[in-house]
Amino acid sequence: MLLEGIDLHGSIAAAGRAMGMSYRRAWLLVAELNGLFREPLVEAQLGGRRGGGAALTRLGSEIVKQYRALENETSARVGSRLEAIEILLAGRPGADGKQKKRSASGASLGSRMQDARSGSPRRSRTARDR
């Protein structure tokens, strides 16, 4: 998640790079997120002697916390249904016992479906996503 990357790296550009996204895309997403809420989620500091940077506001930290809680609760509730669907995916043994082709990314069904809805490519989950 971009917000977690900003919190970790202290920079919008570095967080974007860590996610494989362009500098421009990261800044546009932050601007969009800041406009969606009653207060900004990210504050950027202009460059200077020590360079610029960015930090989450209190609201930004709360949004990350609430999002991860929602994600965990949802996963716990629908996990068995997603597993049932994943059994039907290519790369899992079918009724005939033969292995079918699996996606190159190895990403979970849930993350691939989320990416399809959002229209954004996603790498497999890493420590930044946890």
C-alpha atoms as a PDB file:
ATOM      1  CA  MET A   1       0.000   0.000   0.000  1.00  0.00           C
ATOM      2  CA  LEU A   2       1.384   3.391  -1.006  1.00  0.00           C
ATOM      3  CA  LEU A   3       0.569   5.016   2.330  1.00  0.00           C
ATOM      4  CA  GLU A   4       2.502   2.343   4.219  1.00  0.00           C
ATOM      5  CA  GLY A   5       5.432   2.838   1.858  1.00  0.00           C
ATOM      6  CA  ILE A   6       5.419   6.578   2.524  1.00  0.00           C
ATOM      7  CA  ASP A   7       5.400   5.871   6.246  1.00  0.00           C
ATOM      8  CA  LEU A   8       8.287   3.412   5.851  1.00  0.00           C
ATOM      9  CA  HIS A   9      10.459   5.392   3.422  1.00  0.00           C
ATOM     10  CA  GLY A  10       9.556   8.970   4.368  1.00  0.00           C
ATOM     11  CA  SER A  11       9.180   9.804   0.686  1.00  0.00           C
ATOM     12  CA  ILE A  12       6.422   9.602  -1.894  1.00  0.00           C
ATOM     13  CA  ALA A  13       8.930   8.937  -4.680  1.00  0.00           C
ATOM     14  CA  ALA A  14      10.712   6.172  -2.740  1.00  0.00           C
ATOM     15  CA  ALA A  15       7.407   4.551  -1.781  1.00  0.00           C
ATOM     16  CA  GLY A  16       6.327   4.613  -5.426  1.00  0.00           C
ATOM     17  CA  ARG A  17       9.630   3.119  -6.587  1.00  0.00           C
ATOM     18  CA  ALA A  18       9.323   0.343  -4.005  1.00  0.00           C
ATOM     19  CA  MET A  19       5.928  -0.500  -5.498  1.00  0.00           C
ATOM     20  CA  GLY A  20       7.194  -0.338  -9.085  1.00  0.00           C
ATOM     21  CA  MET A  21       5.230   2.797  -9.903  1.00  0.00           C
ATOM     22  CA  SER A  22       6.398   5.998 -11.508  1.00  0.00           C
ATOM     23  CA  TYR A  23       7.126   9.136  -9.540  1.00  0.00           C
ATOM     24  CA  ARG A  24       4.267  10.920 -11.302  1.00  0.00           C
ATOM     25  CA  ARG A  25       1.751   8.146 -10.593  1.00  0.00           C
ATOM     26  CA  ALA A  26       2.677   8.073  -6.897  1.00  0.00           C
ATOM     27  CA  TRP A  27       2.252  11.842  -6.589  1.00  0.00           C
ATOM     28  CA  LEU A  28      -1.065  11.766  -8.457  1.00  0.00           C
ATOM     29  CA  LEU A  29      -2.384   9.018  -6.187  1.00  0.00           C
ATOM     30  CA  VAL A  30      -1.360  10.940  -3.068  1.00  0.00           C
ATOM     31  CA  ALA A  31      -3.036  14.080  -4.399  1.00  0.00           C
ATOM     32  CA  GLU A  32      -6.198  12.084  -5.098  1.00  0.00           C
ATOM     33  CA  LEU A  33      -6.174  10.463  -1.641  1.00  0.00           C
ATOM     34  CA  ASN A  34      -5.606  13.815   0.039  1.00  0.00           C
ATOM     35  CA  GLY A  35      -8.612  15.212  -1.825  1.00  0.00           C
ATOM     36  CA  LEU A  36     -10.915  12.350  -0.845  1.00  0.00           C
ATOM     37  CA  PHE A  37     -10.754  12.899   2.913  1.00  0.00           C
ATOM     38  CA  ARG A  38     -11.691  15.821   5.146  1.00  0.00           C
ATOM     39  CA  GLU A  39      -7.989  16.329   5.909  1.00  0.00           C
ATOM     40  CA  PRO A  40      -4.853  15.300   4.004  1.00  0.00           C
ATOM     41  CA  LEU A  41      -3.474  11.810   4.618  1.00  0.00           C
ATOM     42  CA  VAL A  42       0.058  12.757   3.551  1.00  0.00           C
ATOM     43  CA  GLU A  43       2.054  15.915   4.169  1.00  0.00           C
ATOM     44  CA  ALA A  44       4.958  16.584   1.856  1.00  0.00           C
ATOM     45  CA  GLN A  45       7.906  18.711   2.936  1.00  0.00           C
ATOM     46  CA  LEU A  46       9.658  20.725   0.274  1.00  0.00           C
ATOM     47  CA  GLY A  47      13.301  20.079  -0.486  1.00  0.00           C
ATOM     48  CA  GLY A  48      16.029  21.990   1.222  1.00  0.00           C
ATOM     49  CA  ARG A  49      19.375  21.299   2.775  1.00  0.00           C
ATOM     50  CA  ARG A  50      18.274  17.815   3.834  1.00  0.00           C
ATOM     51  CA  GLY A  51      15.984  17.282   0.853  1.00  0.00           C
ATOM     52  CA  GLY A  52      12.238  16.872   0.902  1.00  0.00           C
ATOM     53  CA  GLY A  53      10.180  14.094   2.283  1.00  0.00           C
ATOM     54  CA  ALA A  54       6.690  13.061   3.196  1.00  0.00           C
ATOM     55  CA  ALA A  55       4.913  11.742   6.240  1.00  0.00           C
ATOM     56  CA  LEU A  56       1.496  10.401   7.080  1.00  0.00           C
ATOM     57  CA  THR A  57      -0.752  12.665   9.069  1.00  0.00           C
ATOM     58  CA  ARG A  58      -2.633  11.291  12.068  1.00  0.00           C
ATOM     59  CA  LEU A  59      -5.605  10.742   9.767  1.00  0.00           C
ATOM     60  CA  GLY A  60      -3.358   8.952   7.254  1.00  0.00           C
ATOM     61  CA  SER A  61      -2.121   6.582   9.955  1.00  0.00           C
ATOM     62  CA  GLU A  62      -5.695   5.960  11.107  1.00  0.00           C
ATOM     63  CA  ILE A  63      -6.823   5.211   7.545  1.00  0.00           C
ATOM     64  CA  VAL A  64      -4.009   2.634   7.149  1.00  0.00           C
ATOM     65  CA  LYS A  65      -4.939   1.049  10.482  1.00  0.00           C
ATOM     66  CA  GLN A  66      -8.644   0.873   9.598  1.00  0.00           C
ATOM     67  CA  TYR A  67      -7.964  -0.431   6.077  1.00  0.00           C
ATOM     68  CA  ARG A  68      -5.731  -3.248   7.349  1.00  0.00           C
ATOM     69  CA  ALA A  69      -8.307  -4.190  10.004  1.00  0.00           C
ATOM     70  CA  LEU A  70     -11.011  -4.297   7.325  1.00  0.00           C
ATOM     71  CA  GLU A  71      -8.762  -6.368   5.075  1.00  0.00           C
ATOM     72  CA  ASN A  72      -8.035  -8.861   7.867  1.00  0.00           C
ATOM     73  CA  GLU A  73     -11.693  -9.181   8.880  1.00  0.00           C
ATOM     74  CA  THR A  74     -12.801  -9.631   5.279  1.00  0.00           C
ATOM     75  CA  SER A  75     -10.112 -12.210   4.596  1.00  0.00           C
ATOM     76  CA  ALA A  76     -11.113 -14.175   7.672  1.00  0.00           C
ATOM     77  CA  ARG A  77     -14.767 -14.175   6.625  1.00  0.00           C
ATOM     78  CA  VAL A  78     -14.365 -15.007   2.926  1.00  0.00           C
ATOM     79  CA  GLY A  79     -11.131 -16.993   2.982  1.00  0.00           C
ATOM     80  CA  SER A  80     -12.772 -20.381   2.570  1.00  0.00           C
ATOM     81  CA  ARG A  81     -14.843 -19.167  -0.380  1.00  0.00           C
ATOM     82  CA  LEU A  82     -11.761 -17.751  -2.097  1.00  0.00           C
ATOM     83  CA  GLU A  83      -9.938 -21.028  -1.488  1.00  0.00           C
ATOM     84  CA  ALA A  84     -12.832 -22.918  -3.106  1.00  0.00           C
ATOM     85  CA  ILE A  85     -12.593 -20.684  -6.173  1.00  0.00           C
ATOM     86  CA  GLU A  86      -8.787 -20.913  -6.253  1.00  0.00           C
ATOM     87  CA  ILE A  87      -9.089 -24.703  -6.513  1.00  0.00           C
ATOM     88  CA  LEU A  88     -10.803 -24.095  -9.849  1.00  0.00           C
ATOM     89  CA  LEU A  89      -7.981 -21.872 -11.114  1.00  0.00           C
ATOM     90  CA  ALA A  90      -5.471 -22.923 -13.699  1.00  0.00           C
ATOM     91  CA  GLY A  91      -2.434 -24.357 -11.957  1.00  0.00           C
ATOM     92  CA  ARG A  92      -4.456 -26.479  -9.557  1.00  0.00           C
ATOM     93  CA  PRO A  93      -5.172 -30.135 -10.217  1.00  0.00           C
ATOM     94  CA  GLY A  94      -8.517 -30.494 -11.953  1.00  0.00           C
ATOM     95  CA  ALA A  95     -11.018 -33.313 -11.648  1.00  0.00           C
ATOM     96  CA  ASP A  96      -8.849 -35.342 -14.036  1.00  0.00           C
ATOM     97  CA  GLY A  97      -5.851 -34.918 -11.672  1.00  0.00           C
ATOM     98  CA  LYS A  98      -3.806 -33.080 -14.316  1.00  0.00           C
ATOM     99  CA  GLN A  99      -2.018 -29.867 -13.393  1.00  0.00           C
ATOM    100  CA  LYS A 100      -3.259 -26.800 -15.220  1.00  0.00           C
ATOM    101  CA  LYS A 101      -1.297 -23.680 -16.119  1.00  0.00           C
ATOM    102  CA  ARG A 102      -0.936 -21.094 -13.304  1.00  0.00           C
ATOM    103  CA  SER A 103      -0.420 -17.343 -13.598  1.00  0.00           C
ATOM    104  CA  ALA A 104       3.169 -16.162 -13.831  1.00  0.00           C
ATOM    105  CA  SER A 105       2.754 -13.725 -10.952  1.00  0.00           C
ATOM    106  CA  GLY A 106       1.556 -16.326  -8.476  1.00  0.00           C
ATOM    107  CA  ALA A 107      -0.639 -13.637  -6.901  1.00  0.00           C
ATOM    108  CA  SER A 108      -3.675 -14.776  -4.986  1.00  0.00           C
ATOM    109  CA  LEU A 109      -7.088 -14.732  -6.581  1.00  0.00           C
ATOM    110  CA  GLY A 110      -8.264 -12.014  -4.234  1.00  0.00           C
ATOM    111  CA  SER A 111      -5.404  -9.678  -5.150  1.00  0.00           C
ATOM    112  CA  ARG A 112      -5.770 -10.407  -8.884  1.00  0.00           C
ATOM    113  CA  MET A 113      -9.510  -9.732  -8.752  1.00  0.00           C
ATOM    114  CA  GLN A 114      -8.896  -6.510  -6.830  1.00  0.00           C
ATOM    115  CA  ASP A 115      -6.333  -5.461  -9.434  1.00  0.00           C
ATOM    116  CA  ALA A 116      -8.768  -6.217 -12.242  1.00  0.00           C
ATOM    117  CA  ARG A 117     -11.367  -3.994 -10.601  1.00  0.00           C
ATOM    118  CA  SER A 118      -8.914  -1.149  -9.992  1.00  0.00           C
ATOM    119  CA  GLY A 119      -7.158  -1.512 -13.331  1.00  0.00           C
ATOM    120  CA  SER A 120      -3.728  -1.460 -11.712  1.00  0.00           C
ATOM    121  CA  PRO A 121      -1.040  -4.098 -12.102  1.00  0.00           C
ATOM    122  CA  ARG A 122       0.193  -5.651  -8.897  1.00  0.00           C
ATOM    123  CA  ARG A 123       3.284  -7.539  -7.966  1.00  0.00           C
ATOM    124  CA  SER A 124       3.094 -10.492  -5.674  1.00  0.00           C
ATOM    125  CA  ARG A 125       2.727  -9.625  -1.994  1.00  0.00           C
ATOM    126  CA  THR A 126       5.893  -8.636  -0.214  1.00  0.00           C
ATOM    127  CA  ALA A 127       6.777  -7.408   3.244  1.00  0.00           C
ATOM    128  CA  ARG A 128       5.460  -3.943   2.286  1.00  0.00           C
ATOM    129  CA  ASP A 129       1.953  -5.397   1.939  1.00  0.00           C
ATOM    130  CA  ARG A 130       1.907  -7.060   5.315  1.00  0.00           C
END
